[in-house]
């Protein structure tokens, strides 16, 4: 396994590749100038104007999707107060 990973990471880009090989990616990105940056501080929730609304929306979406999946696996659930909406 270690040999396979080493071969994959160190191979050259071929004409059949849709993206540069890891070797070429590392070589190309090493040319990108950058400055030492400090990690961002703060809470990621501060990036959203209404984190509570986002949480409610995502929870609702997950609940909707999981009910639909459960009804697909067990059609009896669709008639037992669990609606399948699409």
Protein backbone atom coordinates (compact mmCIF):
# COMPACT_ATOMS: atom_id res chain seq x y z
CA UNK A 1 0.00 0.00 0.00
CA UNK A 2 2.79 2.40 0.90
CA UNK A 3 4.44 1.79 -2.47
CA UNK A 4 1.16 2.47 -4.34
CA UNK A 5 0.68 5.77 -2.51
CA UNK A 6 4.29 6.75 -3.20
CA UNK A 7 3.89 5.96 -6.90
CA UNK A 8 0.62 7.92 -7.14
CA UNK A 9 2.05 10.94 -5.34
CA UNK A 10 5.25 11.06 -7.40
CA UNK A 11 4.00 10.26 -10.89
CA UNK A 12 4.21 12.74 -13.75
CA UNK A 13 1.15 14.26 -15.40
CA UNK A 14 0.10 12.38 -18.53
CA UNK A 15 -1.85 13.57 -21.55
CA UNK A 16 -4.82 11.54 -20.29
CA UNK A 17 -5.02 13.47 -17.00
CA UNK A 18 -7.69 16.10 -16.54
CA UNK A 19 -5.71 17.73 -13.71
CA UNK A 20 -2.01 18.07 -12.90
CA UNK A 21 -0.40 15.21 -10.99
CA UNK A 22 0.41 15.78 -7.31
CA UNK A 23 4.06 16.37 -8.25
CA UNK A 24 3.09 19.12 -10.68
CA UNK A 25 0.54 20.61 -8.27
CA UNK A 26 3.15 20.91 -5.51
CA UNK A 27 5.65 22.41 -7.95
CA UNK A 28 3.12 24.92 -9.30
CA UNK A 29 1.75 25.99 -5.93
CA UNK A 30 5.27 26.53 -4.57
CA UNK A 31 5.51 29.46 -7.01
CA UNK A 32 2.50 31.26 -5.52
CA UNK A 33 3.74 34.14 -3.38
CA UNK A 34 2.13 34.40 0.01
CA UNK A 35 2.71 36.02 3.35
CA UNK A 36 2.61 34.36 6.71
CA UNK A 37 -1.00 34.71 7.84
CA UNK A 38 -2.47 34.26 11.27
CA UNK A 39 -5.47 31.94 11.61
CA UNK A 40 -8.82 33.70 11.63
CA UNK A 41 -10.21 34.36 15.09
CA UNK A 42 -13.78 34.28 16.25
CA UNK A 43 -16.77 32.06 15.90
CA UNK A 44 -17.79 30.77 12.48
CA UNK A 45 -21.43 31.51 13.30
CA UNK A 46 -20.60 35.23 13.14
CA UNK A 47 -20.31 34.77 9.36
CA UNK A 48 -24.08 34.23 9.08
CA UNK A 49 -26.63 37.04 9.52
CA UNK A 50 -29.13 34.75 11.30
CA UNK A 51 -27.51 31.53 12.56
CA UNK A 52 -30.68 30.36 14.33
CA UNK A 53 -32.74 30.60 11.13
CA UNK A 54 -30.04 28.71 9.24
CA UNK A 55 -29.99 25.96 11.87
CA UNK A 56 -33.78 25.65 11.76
CA UNK A 57 -33.82 25.58 7.95
CA UNK A 58 -31.14 22.89 7.75
CA UNK A 59 -32.76 20.78 10.49
CA UNK A 60 -36.08 21.00 8.68
CA UNK A 61 -34.44 19.96 5.41
CA UNK A 62 -32.73 16.97 7.05
CA UNK A 63 -35.99 15.93 8.71
CA UNK A 64 -37.84 16.21 5.39
CA UNK A 65 -35.18 14.18 3.56
CA UNK A 66 -35.00 11.49 6.25
CA UNK A 67 -38.79 11.08 6.31
CA UNK A 68 -38.82 10.72 2.55
CA UNK A 69 -36.04 8.11 2.66
CA UNK A 70 -37.82 6.19 5.44
CA UNK A 71 -41.08 6.18 3.46
CA UNK A 72 -39.27 4.93 0.37
CA UNK A 73 -37.83 2.03 2.36
CA UNK A 74 -41.12 1.34 4.18
CA UNK A 75 -44.24 2.57 2.29
CA UNK A 76 -46.39 1.91 5.38
CA UNK A 77 -44.74 4.96 6.99
CA UNK A 78 -46.17 7.23 4.29
CA UNK A 79 -49.69 6.45 5.51
CA UNK A 80 -48.83 6.60 9.21
CA UNK A 81 -48.67 10.35 9.60
CA UNK A 82 -45.39 10.67 7.71
CA UNK A 83 -45.94 12.52 4.49
CA UNK A 84 -43.61 12.19 1.54
CA UNK A 85 -43.33 15.50 -0.23
CA UNK A 86 -41.12 16.21 -3.19
